[in-house]
Amino acid sequence: MEEQLAELRDLAVHARNRLTETGIPRVAMVQGKIPEHELNAVYDPMVNLVLQGGKSMTVGDRTLHYGPATYFVMSIELPAAGTVRPAPGGEPYLAVALSLQPAVIAALIADLPPIALAQKPEAGFSVAAVTPDLMDAWVRMLRLMRRPADIPALAPVYEREILYRVLQGPLGAMLRGIAMPDSALSRVSRAIQRIRRDFAQPLRVEALAQQASMSASAFHRHFKAATSLSPVQYQKRIRLLQARTLLVAHGQSVSSAAFEVGYESATQFSREYARAFGLPPGRDAERILAGHA
């Protein structure tokens, strides 16, 4: 697979240290050192392939490490803290990602033999070893950057192949879960969308469980398995990330940001913010803004 990896690195050489569009729908790339606050964010569902260097992703109490021999799948929206590192020889971190669309996965699954979904709670993110077939599909996908006229006809084909290879691998259940509306993972995903939309409002776990057609205990079990967070912890993480945006991008005061994201106490907000990001809100915002200067 070294030849495939070398070609992928060459194809993605123009990536920047932020999400860089490729011209291929749902495919992006990134290279180099990425600011910490940009890696500490809510991540959308994706298949992520590291071409050079390595990456760690922490969600809740779970941290995964992966590099060029592995790929990462996140099937639901998750607040995560990422860190990237260069290759042992000093070459910069380099990766490509395919955003996941449940409708695309569902259309593919409809063409495959039926398979029963596991009833046990499923994780919403994990890492697996890259196969030569999966790597080959990525090579053909990124070659389209040099033949943009072929993108409309061939990108959907190569996207299906990448998804097919993932479906056939050890992380396939996560893709099937988000593509099937009655699965526990899909119901957790819908609850997540509700929490994200109403993050500043008081959280009623019983109401979320009822909407998911689960008992409160079953909902909590499935939610924690999928996200490594309880629903309350998930909401708190969303609130703190949103507050960080208000402080840095909008210049709001600490108390104003705290109340806007749903905190009733600015003191409690500052304490939880410092625990999450390592510095009190004001000092953290100053550090980020100084890095932009």
C-alpha atoms as a PDB file:
ATOM      1  CA  MET A   1       0.000   0.000   0.000  1.00  0.00           C
ATOM      2  CA  GLU A   2       3.037   2.290   0.169  1.00  0.00           C
ATOM      3  CA  GLU A   3       2.739   3.185  -3.531  1.00  0.00           C
ATOM      4  CA  GLN A   4      -0.943   4.077  -3.084  1.00  0.00           C
ATOM      5  CA  LEU A   5      -0.124   6.152  -0.007  1.00  0.00           C
ATOM      6  CA  ALA A   6       2.656   7.993  -1.850  1.00  0.00           C
ATOM      7  CA  GLU A   7       0.287   8.838  -4.714  1.00  0.00           C
ATOM      8  CA  LEU A   8      -2.386  10.079  -2.309  1.00  0.00           C
ATOM      9  CA  ARG A   9       0.157  12.339  -0.617  1.00  0.00           C
ATOM     10  CA  ASP A  10       1.152  13.744  -3.979  1.00  0.00           C
ATOM     11  CA  LEU A  11      -2.484  14.323  -4.949  1.00  0.00           C
ATOM     12  CA  ALA A  12      -3.245  16.104  -1.656  1.00  0.00           C
ATOM     13  CA  VAL A  13      -0.048  18.173  -1.568  1.00  0.00           C
ATOM     14  CA  HIS A  14      -1.899  21.482  -2.029  1.00  0.00           C
ATOM     15  CA  ALA A  15      -3.977  21.082   1.153  1.00  0.00           C
ATOM     16  CA  ARG A  16      -3.706  23.931   3.684  1.00  0.00           C
ATOM     17  CA  ASN A  17      -3.790  23.997   7.471  1.00  0.00           C
ATOM     18  CA  ARG A  18      -7.570  24.284   7.436  1.00  0.00           C
ATOM     19  CA  LEU A  19     -10.288  22.294   5.724  1.00  0.00           C
ATOM     20  CA  THR A  20      -9.464  22.604   2.013  1.00  0.00           C
ATOM     21  CA  GLU A  21     -12.039  21.841  -0.659  1.00  0.00           C
ATOM     22  CA  THR A  22     -11.009  19.473  -3.445  1.00  0.00           C
ATOM     23  CA  GLY A  23     -13.732  20.279  -5.992  1.00  0.00           C
ATOM     24  CA  ILE A  24     -15.137  16.783  -5.343  1.00  0.00           C
ATOM     25  CA  PRO A  25     -18.482  16.769  -3.486  1.00  0.00           C
ATOM     26  CA  ARG A  26     -18.114  15.920   0.209  1.00  0.00           C
ATOM     27  CA  VAL A  27     -14.329  15.364  -0.068  1.00  0.00           C
ATOM     28  CA  ALA A  28     -11.905  17.706   1.704  1.00  0.00           C
ATOM     29  CA  MET A  29      -8.258  17.646   2.802  1.00  0.00           C
ATOM     30  CA  VAL A  30      -6.031  19.311   5.385  1.00  0.00           C
ATOM     31  CA  GLN A  31      -2.294  19.622   5.939  1.00  0.00           C
ATOM     32  CA  GLY A  32       0.097  20.938   8.575  1.00  0.00           C
ATOM     33  CA  LYS A  33      -0.292  22.237  12.101  1.00  0.00           C
ATOM     34  CA  ILE A  34      -3.882  23.148  12.943  1.00  0.00           C
ATOM     35  CA  PRO A  35      -4.698  25.544  15.815  1.00  0.00           C
ATOM     36  CA  GLU A  36      -5.943  23.735  18.925  1.00  0.00           C
ATOM     37  CA  HIS A  37      -9.228  25.647  19.113  1.00  0.00           C
ATOM     38  CA  GLU A  38     -10.102  24.606  15.549  1.00  0.00           C
ATOM     39  CA  LEU A  39      -9.532  20.950  16.424  1.00  0.00           C
ATOM     40  CA  ASN A  40     -11.708  21.290  19.526  1.00  0.00           C
ATOM     41  CA  ALA A  41     -15.079  21.388  17.815  1.00  0.00           C
ATOM     42  CA  VAL A  42     -18.252  19.569  16.847  1.00  0.00           C
ATOM     43  CA  TYR A  43     -17.307  17.161  14.078  1.00  0.00           C
ATOM     44  CA  ASP A  44     -19.744  16.112  11.380  1.00  0.00           C
ATOM     45  CA  PRO A  45     -20.046  12.443  10.344  1.00  0.00           C
ATOM     46  CA  MET A  46     -17.082  11.425   8.180  1.00  0.00           C
ATOM     47  CA  VAL A  47     -14.585   8.844   7.038  1.00  0.00           C
ATOM     48  CA  ASN A  48     -11.118  10.264   7.723  1.00  0.00           C
ATOM     49  CA  LEU A  49      -7.934   8.853   6.202  1.00  0.00           C
ATOM     50  CA  VAL A  50      -4.561  10.075   7.493  1.00  0.00           C
ATOM     51  CA  LEU A  51      -1.908  10.095   4.765  1.00  0.00           C
ATOM     52  CA  GLN A  52       1.004  11.427   6.799  1.00  0.00           C
ATOM     53  CA  GLY A  53       1.667  11.998  10.481  1.00  0.00           C
ATOM     54  CA  GLY A  54      -0.968  11.063  13.032  1.00  0.00           C
ATOM     55  CA  LYS A  55      -4.072  12.239  14.828  1.00  0.00           C
ATOM     56  CA  SER A  56      -5.753  11.682  18.180  1.00  0.00           C
ATOM     57  CA  MET A  57      -9.441  12.241  18.834  1.00  0.00           C
ATOM     58  CA  THR A  58     -10.911  12.487  22.325  1.00  0.00           C
ATOM     59  CA  VAL A  59     -14.655  12.272  22.873  1.00  0.00           C
ATOM     60  CA  GLY A  60     -15.780  12.108  26.466  1.00  0.00           C
ATOM     61  CA  ASP A  61     -13.550   9.637  28.266  1.00  0.00           C
ATOM     62  CA  ARG A  62     -12.380   7.859  25.119  1.00  0.00           C
ATOM     63  CA  THR A  63      -9.292   8.723  23.061  1.00  0.00           C
ATOM     64  CA  LEU A  64      -8.382   7.090  19.741  1.00  0.00           C
ATOM     65  CA  HIS A  65      -5.031   7.366  17.947  1.00  0.00           C
ATOM     66  CA  TYR A  66      -4.611   6.725  14.248  1.00  0.00           C
ATOM     67  CA  GLY A  67      -2.183   7.216  11.383  1.00  0.00           C
ATOM     68  CA  PRO A  68      -1.499   6.109   7.792  1.00  0.00           C
ATOM     69  CA  ALA A  69      -2.195   2.437   8.546  1.00  0.00           C
ATOM     70  CA  THR A  70      -5.706   3.143   9.843  1.00  0.00           C
ATOM     71  CA  TYR A  71      -8.871   5.091   9.045  1.00  0.00           C
ATOM     72  CA  PHE A  72     -11.344   6.772  11.369  1.00  0.00           C
ATOM     73  CA  VAL A  73     -15.142   6.753  11.101  1.00  0.00           C
ATOM     74  CA  MET A  74     -17.431   9.147  12.965  1.00  0.00           C
ATOM     75  CA  SER A  75     -21.050   8.341  12.187  1.00  0.00           C
ATOM     76  CA  ILE A  76     -22.798  10.993  14.296  1.00  0.00           C
ATOM     77  CA  GLU A  77     -22.161  14.635  15.225  1.00  0.00           C
ATOM     78  CA  LEU A  78     -19.745  14.672  18.147  1.00  0.00           C
ATOM     79  CA  PRO A  79     -17.954  17.340  20.188  1.00  0.00           C
ATOM     80  CA  ALA A  80     -14.338  16.170  20.158  1.00  0.00           C
ATOM     81  CA  ALA A  81     -10.864  17.419  20.959  1.00  0.00           C
ATOM     82  CA  GLY A  82      -8.370  16.577  18.227  1.00  0.00           C
ATOM     83  CA  THR A  83      -4.594  16.809  18.115  1.00  0.00           C
ATOM     84  CA  VAL A  84      -2.397  16.265  15.073  1.00  0.00           C
ATOM     85  CA  ARG A  85       1.294  15.435  14.890  1.00  0.00           C
ATOM     86  CA  PRO A  86       3.846  15.340  12.080  1.00  0.00           C
ATOM     87  CA  ALA A  87       5.438  12.168  10.741  1.00  0.00           C
ATOM     88  CA  PRO A  88       8.572  10.845  12.509  1.00  0.00           C
ATOM     89  CA  GLY A  89      10.684  12.429   9.771  1.00  0.00           C
ATOM     90  CA  GLY A  90       9.085  15.838  10.347  1.00  0.00           C
ATOM     91  CA  GLU A  91       6.757  15.791   7.318  1.00  0.00           C
ATOM     92  CA  PRO A  92       3.502  17.657   8.102  1.00  0.00           C
ATOM     93  CA  TYR A  93       0.246  16.021   9.050  1.00  0.00           C
ATOM     94  CA  LEU A  94      -1.850  15.304   5.943  1.00  0.00           C
ATOM     95  CA  ALA A  95      -5.345  13.825   5.726  1.00  0.00           C
ATOM     96  CA  VAL A  96      -8.420  13.519   3.526  1.00  0.00           C
ATOM     97  CA  ALA A  97     -12.035  13.112   4.612  1.00  0.00           C
ATOM     98  CA  LEU A  98     -15.348  12.096   3.092  1.00  0.00           C
ATOM     99  CA  SER A  99     -18.450  13.602   4.717  1.00  0.00           C
ATOM    100  CA  LEU A 100     -21.146  11.010   5.346  1.00  0.00           C
ATOM    101  CA  GLN A 101     -24.682  11.445   4.018  1.00  0.00           C
ATOM    102  CA  PRO A 102     -27.195   8.903   5.373  1.00  0.00           C
ATOM    103  CA  ALA A 103     -29.252   9.067   2.151  1.00  0.00           C
ATOM    104  CA  VAL A 104     -26.227   8.077   0.043  1.00  0.00           C
ATOM    105  CA  ILE A 105     -25.431   5.193   2.399  1.00  0.00           C
ATOM    106  CA  ALA A 106     -29.091   4.078   2.427  1.00  0.00           C
ATOM    107  CA  ALA A 107     -29.185   3.994  -1.384  1.00  0.00           C
ATOM    108  CA  LEU A 108     -26.085   1.806  -1.393  1.00  0.00           C
ATOM    109  CA  ILE A 109     -27.427  -0.515   1.308  1.00  0.00           C
ATOM    110  CA  ALA A 110     -30.609  -1.000  -0.730  1.00  0.00           C
ATOM    111  CA  ASP A 111     -28.475  -2.648  -3.421  1.00  0.00           C
ATOM    112  CA  LEU A 112     -26.778  -5.036  -0.977  1.00  0.00           C
ATOM    113  CA  PRO A 113     -28.004  -8.270   0.630  1.00  0.00           C
ATOM    114  CA  PRO A 114     -29.940  -7.568   3.838  1.00  0.00           C
ATOM    115  CA  ILE A 115     -28.097  -7.949   7.123  1.00  0.00           C
ATOM    116  CA  ALA A 116     -29.431  -7.856  10.669  1.00  0.00           C
ATOM    117  CA  LEU A 117     -28.271  -4.971  12.830  1.00  0.00           C
ATOM    118  CA  ALA A 118     -26.829  -5.778  16.233  1.00  0.00           C
ATOM    119  CA  GLN A 119     -29.164  -4.919  19.103  1.00  0.00           C
ATOM    120  CA  LYS A 120     -26.388  -4.024  21.536  1.00  0.00           C
ATOM    121  CA  PRO A 121     -25.503  -0.327  21.910  1.00  0.00           C
ATOM    122  CA  GLU A 122     -23.158   0.795  19.124  1.00  0.00           C
ATOM    123  CA  ALA A 123     -20.296   3.284  19.303  1.00  0.00           C
ATOM    124  CA  GLY A 124     -20.567   6.306  17.030  1.00  0.00           C
ATOM    125  CA  PHE A 125     -16.841   6.501  16.281  1.00  0.00           C
ATOM    126  CA  SER A 126     -13.919   4.104  15.945  1.00  0.00           C
ATOM    127  CA  VAL A 127     -10.713   3.243  14.072  1.00  0.00           C
ATOM    128  CA  ALA A 128      -9.856   0.295  11.811  1.00  0.00           C
ATOM    129  CA  ALA A 129      -6.971  -0.870   9.648  1.00  0.00           C
ATOM    130  CA  VAL A 130      -6.915   0.361   6.041  1.00  0.00           C
ATOM    131  CA  THR A 131      -7.246  -2.309   3.365  1.00  0.00           C
ATOM    132  CA  PRO A 132      -5.645  -2.163  -0.106  1.00  0.00           C
ATOM    133  CA  ASP A 133      -9.128  -2.059  -1.693  1.00  0.00           C
ATOM    134  CA  LEU A 134     -10.191   0.935   0.418  1.00  0.00           C
ATOM    135  CA  MET A 135      -6.921   2.725  -0.317  1.00  0.00           C
ATOM    136  CA  ASP A 136      -7.339   2.066  -4.039  1.00  0.00           C
ATOM    137  CA  ALA A 137     -10.825   3.611  -4.026  1.00  0.00           C
ATOM    138  CA  TRP A 138      -9.394   6.736  -2.360  1.00  0.00           C
ATOM    139  CA  VAL A 139      -6.645   6.972  -5.008  1.00  0.00           C
ATOM    140  CA  ARG A 140      -9.183   6.946  -7.820  1.00  0.00           C
ATOM    141  CA  MET A 141     -11.327   9.502  -5.993  1.00  0.00           C
ATOM    142  CA  LEU A 142      -8.488  12.000  -5.497  1.00  0.00           C
ATOM    143  CA  ARG A 143      -7.220  11.557  -9.064  1.00  0.00           C
ATOM    144  CA  LEU A 144     -10.400  13.376 -10.051  1.00  0.00           C
ATOM    145  CA  MET A 145      -8.826  16.605  -8.788  1.00  0.00           C
ATOM    146  CA  ARG A 146      -6.625  16.443 -11.891  1.00  0.00           C
ATOM    147  CA  ARG A 147      -9.578  15.586 -14.157  1.00  0.00           C
ATOM    148  CA  PRO A 148     -12.388  17.852 -12.925  1.00  0.00           C
ATOM    149  CA  ALA A 149     -14.493  17.187 -16.014  1.00  0.00           C
ATOM    150  CA  ASP A 150     -14.852  13.575 -14.805  1.00  0.00           C
ATOM    151  CA  ILE A 151     -16.133  14.537 -11.347  1.00  0.00           C
ATOM    152  CA  PRO A 152     -19.899  14.605 -12.091  1.00  0.00           C
ATOM    153  CA  ALA A 153     -19.846  11.127 -13.656  1.00  0.00           C
ATOM    154  CA  LEU A 154     -17.250   9.321 -11.536  1.00  0.00           C
ATOM    155  CA  ALA A 155     -17.231  10.897  -8.056  1.00  0.00           C
ATOM    156  CA  PRO A 156     -20.555   9.257  -7.075  1.00  0.00           C
ATOM    157  CA  VAL A 157     -19.190   5.883  -8.213  1.00  0.00           C
ATOM    158  CA  TYR A 158     -15.994   6.200  -6.185  1.00  0.00           C
ATOM    159  CA  GLU A 159     -17.925   7.517  -3.182  1.00  0.00           C
ATOM    160  CA  ARG A 160     -20.109   4.416  -3.268  1.00  0.00           C
ATOM    161  CA  GLU A 161     -17.011   2.235  -3.467  1.00  0.00           C
ATOM    162  CA  ILE A 162     -15.383   3.925  -0.454  1.00  0.00           C
ATOM    163  CA  LEU A 163     -18.612   3.503   1.498  1.00  0.00           C
ATOM    164  CA  TYR A 164     -18.950  -0.089   0.311  1.00  0.00           C
ATOM    165  CA  ARG A 165     -15.429  -0.939   1.511  1.00  0.00           C
ATOM    166  CA  VAL A 166     -16.199   0.615   4.898  1.00  0.00           C
ATOM    167  CA  LEU A 167     -19.525  -1.244   5.076  1.00  0.00           C
ATOM    168  CA  GLN A 168     -17.706  -4.521   4.470  1.00  0.00           C
ATOM    169  CA  GLY A 169     -15.167  -3.797   7.209  1.00  0.00           C
ATOM    170  CA  PRO A 170     -15.298  -3.833  11.013  1.00  0.00           C
ATOM    171  CA  LEU A 171     -16.893  -0.353  11.187  1.00  0.00           C
ATOM    172  CA  GLY A 172     -19.692  -1.119   8.748  1.00  0.00           C
ATOM    173  CA  ALA A 173     -22.343  -1.330  11.476  1.00  0.00           C
ATOM    174  CA  MET A 174     -21.879   2.376  12.235  1.00  0.00           C
ATOM    175  CA  LEU A 175     -22.688   3.306   8.640  1.00  0.00           C
ATOM    176  CA  ARG A 176     -25.665   0.972   8.518  1.00  0.00           C
ATOM    177  CA  GLY A 177     -26.902   2.390  11.805  1.00  0.00           C
ATOM    178  CA  ILE A 178     -27.134   5.998  10.611  1.00  0.00           C
ATOM    179  CA  ALA A 179     -28.693   4.972   7.278  1.00  0.00           C
ATOM    180  CA  MET A 180     -31.560   2.990   8.825  1.00  0.00           C
ATOM    181  CA  PRO A 181     -34.085   5.344  10.485  1.00  0.00           C
ATOM    182  CA  ASP A 182     -35.334   2.819  13.058  1.00  0.00           C
ATOM    183  CA  SER A 183     -31.882   1.873  14.362  1.00  0.00           C
ATOM    184  CA  ALA A 184     -30.807   2.944  17.830  1.00  0.00           C
ATOM    185  CA  LEU A 185     -27.920   4.933  16.342  1.00  0.00           C
ATOM    186  CA  SER A 186     -30.284   6.892  14.088  1.00  0.00           C
ATOM    187  CA  ARG A 187     -32.544   7.652  17.025  1.00  0.00           C
ATOM    188  CA  VAL A 188     -29.582   8.848  19.067  1.00  0.00           C
ATOM    189  CA  SER A 189     -28.532  10.960  16.079  1.00  0.00           C
ATOM    190  CA  ARG A 190     -31.942  12.643  15.980  1.00  0.00           C
ATOM    191  CA  ALA A 191     -31.720  13.317  19.712  1.00  0.00           C
ATOM    192  CA  ILE A 192     -28.300  14.893  19.156  1.00  0.00           C
ATOM    193  CA  GLN A 193     -29.746  17.213  16.530  1.00  0.00           C
ATOM    194  CA  ARG A 194     -32.433  18.244  19.031  1.00  0.00           C
ATOM    195  CA  ILE A 195     -29.827  18.934  21.742  1.00  0.00           C
ATOM    196  CA  ARG A 196     -27.719  20.973  19.326  1.00  0.00           C
ATOM    197  CA  ARG A 197     -30.713  23.020  18.212  1.00  0.00           C
ATOM    198  CA  ASP A 198     -31.967  23.724  21.744  1.00  0.00           C
ATOM    199  CA  PHE A 199     -28.625  23.681  23.574  1.00  0.00           C
ATOM    200  CA  ALA A 200     -29.391  26.815  25.627  1.00  0.00           C
ATOM    201  CA  GLN A 201     -32.664  25.366  26.950  1.00  0.00           C
ATOM    202  CA  PRO A 202     -32.990  23.098  30.014  1.00  0.00           C
ATOM    203  CA  LEU A 203     -32.411  19.479  28.994  1.00  0.00           C
ATOM    204  CA  ARG A 204     -35.263  17.024  29.535  1.00  0.00           C
ATOM    205  CA  VAL A 205     -33.758  13.573  29.050  1.00  0.00           C
ATOM    206  CA  GLU A 206     -37.113  11.866  29.561  1.00  0.00           C
ATOM    207  CA  ALA A 207     -38.590  13.831  26.643  1.00  0.00           C
ATOM    208  CA  LEU A 208     -35.644  12.908  24.414  1.00  0.00           C
ATOM    209  CA  ALA A 209     -36.042   9.249  25.368  1.00  0.00           C
ATOM    210  CA  GLN A 210     -39.763   9.380  24.603  1.00  0.00           C
ATOM    211  CA  GLN A 211     -39.100  10.909  21.174  1.00  0.00           C
ATOM    212  CA  ALA A 212     -36.549   8.145  20.554  1.00  0.00           C
ATOM    213  CA  SER A 213     -39.155   5.518  21.531  1.00  0.00           C
ATOM    214  CA  MET A 214     -36.900   4.221  24.309  1.00  0.00           C
ATOM    215  CA  SER A 215     -37.086   3.983  28.055  1.00  0.00           C
ATOM    216  CA  ALA A 216     -34.978   6.578  29.838  1.00  0.00           C
ATOM    217  CA  SER A 217     -32.459   3.919  30.923  1.00  0.00           C
ATOM    218  CA  ALA A 218     -32.165   2.412  27.424  1.00  0.00           C
ATOM    219  CA  PHE A 219     -31.808   5.854  25.847  1.00  0.00           C
ATOM    220  CA  HIS A 220     -29.057   6.810  28.285  1.00  0.00           C
ATOM    221  CA  ARG A 221     -27.250   3.506  27.618  1.00  0.00           C
ATOM    222  CA  HIS A 222     -27.390   3.877  23.824  1.00  0.00           C
ATOM    223  CA  PHE A 223     -26.479   7.574  23.963  1.00  0.00           C
ATOM    224  CA  LYS A 224     -23.430   6.940  26.166  1.00  0.00           C
ATOM    225  CA  ALA A 225     -22.280   4.029  23.988  1.00  0.00           C
ATOM    226  CA  ALA A 226     -22.550   6.155  20.838  1.00  0.00           C
ATOM    227  CA  THR A 227     -20.983   9.359  22.150  1.00  0.00           C
ATOM    228  CA  SER A 228     -18.944   8.434  25.261  1.00  0.00           C
ATOM    229  CA  LEU A 229     -20.959  11.221  26.920  1.00  0.00           C
ATOM    230  CA  SER A 230     -24.217  11.395  28.813  1.00  0.00           C
ATOM    231  CA  PRO A 231     -26.897  13.650  27.272  1.00  0.00           C
ATOM    232  CA  VAL A 232     -26.160  16.289  29.948  1.00  0.00           C
ATOM    233  CA  GLN A 233     -22.400  16.113  29.263  1.00  0.00           C
ATOM    234  CA  TYR A 234     -23.070  16.397  25.532  1.00  0.00           C
ATOM    235  CA  GLN A 235     -25.175  19.515  26.013  1.00  0.00           C
ATOM    236  CA  LYS A 236     -22.550  21.049  28.318  1.00  0.00           C
ATOM    237  CA  ARG A 237     -19.839  20.484  25.708  1.00  0.00           C
ATOM    238  CA  ILE A 238     -21.972  22.123  23.008  1.00  0.00           C
ATOM    239  CA  ARG A 239     -22.650  25.088  25.283  1.00  0.00           C
ATOM    240  CA  LEU A 240     -18.961  25.593  26.058  1.00  0.00           C
ATOM    241  CA  LEU A 241     -17.917  25.365  22.411  1.00  0.00           C
ATOM    242  CA  GLN A 242     -20.603  27.870  21.435  1.00  0.00           C
ATOM    243  CA  ALA A 243     -19.507  30.190  24.236  1.00  0.00           C
ATOM    244  CA  ARG A 244     -15.921  29.994  22.979  1.00  0.00           C
ATOM    245  CA  THR A 245     -17.134  31.150  19.566  1.00  0.00           C
ATOM    246  CA  LEU A 246     -19.046  34.050  21.139  1.00  0.00           C
ATOM    247  CA  LEU A 247     -15.969  35.131  23.102  1.00  0.00           C
ATOM    248  CA  VAL A 248     -13.491  34.866  20.236  1.00  0.00           C
ATOM    249  CA  ALA A 249     -15.458  35.640  17.073  1.00  0.00           C
ATOM    250  CA  HIS A 250     -18.007  38.071  18.494  1.00  0.00           C
ATOM    251  CA  GLY A 251     -16.077  39.677  21.330  1.00  0.00           C
ATOM    252  CA  GLN A 252     -18.779  39.108  23.935  1.00  0.00           C
ATOM    253  CA  SER A 253     -18.080  39.416  27.638  1.00  0.00           C
ATOM    254  CA  VAL A 254     -17.738  36.302  29.778  1.00  0.00           C
ATOM    255  CA  SER A 255     -21.043  36.854  31.569  1.00  0.00           C
ATOM    256  CA  SER A 256     -22.904  37.646  28.341  1.00  0.00           C
ATOM    257  CA  ALA A 257     -21.590  34.481  26.652  1.00  0.00           C
ATOM    258  CA  ALA A 258     -22.427  32.393  29.738  1.00  0.00           C
ATOM    259  CA  PHE A 259     -26.046  33.521  29.873  1.00  0.00           C
ATOM    260  CA  GLU A 260     -26.550  33.284  26.113  1.00  0.00           C
ATOM    261  CA  VAL A 261     -25.555  29.595  26.017  1.00  0.00           C
ATOM    262  CA  GLY A 262     -27.825  28.729  28.934  1.00  0.00           C
ATOM    263  CA  TYR A 263     -25.783  29.079  32.125  1.00  0.00           C
ATOM    264  CA  GLU A 264     -27.483  30.733  35.098  1.00  0.00           C
ATOM    265  CA  SER A 265     -24.199  31.357  36.905  1.00  0.00           C
ATOM    266  CA  ALA A 266     -21.178  33.037  35.302  1.00  0.00           C
ATOM    267  CA  THR A 267     -19.017  31.585  38.075  1.00  0.00           C
ATOM    268  CA  GLN A 268     -20.071  28.026  37.289  1.00  0.00           C
ATOM    269  CA  PHE A 269     -19.579  28.734  33.589  1.00  0.00           C
ATOM    270  CA  SER A 270     -16.023  30.002  34.133  1.00  0.00           C
ATOM    271  CA  ARG A 271     -15.173  26.978  36.281  1.00  0.00           C
ATOM    272  CA  GLU A 272     -16.475  24.468  33.725  1.00  0.00           C
ATOM    273  CA  TYR A 273     -14.922  26.397  30.830  1.00  0.00           C
ATOM    274  CA  ALA A 274     -11.480  26.311  32.472  1.00  0.00           C
ATOM    275  CA  ARG A 275     -11.863  22.593  33.160  1.00  0.00           C
ATOM    276  CA  ALA A 276     -12.706  21.957  29.493  1.00  0.00           C
ATOM    277  CA  PHE A 277     -10.167  24.242  27.777  1.00  0.00           C
ATOM    278  CA  GLY A 278      -7.386  24.666  30.336  1.00  0.00           C
ATOM    279  CA  LEU A 279      -7.778  28.421  30.910  1.00  0.00           C
ATOM    280  CA  PRO A 280     -10.501  30.745  32.225  1.00  0.00           C
ATOM    281  CA  PRO A 281     -12.736  32.144  29.444  1.00  0.00           C
ATOM    282  CA  GLY A 282     -11.160  35.614  29.178  1.00  0.00           C
ATOM    283  CA  ARG A 283      -7.580  34.354  29.141  1.00  0.00           C
ATOM    284  CA  ASP A 284      -8.425  31.594  26.667  1.00  0.00           C
ATOM    285  CA  ALA A 285     -10.003  34.091  24.261  1.00  0.00           C
ATOM    286  CA  GLU A 286      -6.949  36.386  24.570  1.00  0.00           C
ATOM    287  CA  ARG A 287      -4.636  33.471  23.777  1.00  0.00           C
ATOM    288  CA  ILE A 288      -6.607  32.486  20.677  1.00  0.00           C
ATOM    289  CA  LEU A 289      -6.832  36.049  19.412  1.00  0.00           C
ATOM    290  CA  ALA A 290      -3.082  36.585  20.012  1.00  0.00           C
ATOM    291  CA  GLY A 291      -2.415  33.542  17.845  1.00  0.00           C
ATOM    292  CA  HIS A 292      -4.434  35.158  15.031  1.00  0.00           C
ATOM    293  CA  ALA A 293      -2.515  38.431  15.250  1.00  0.00           C
END
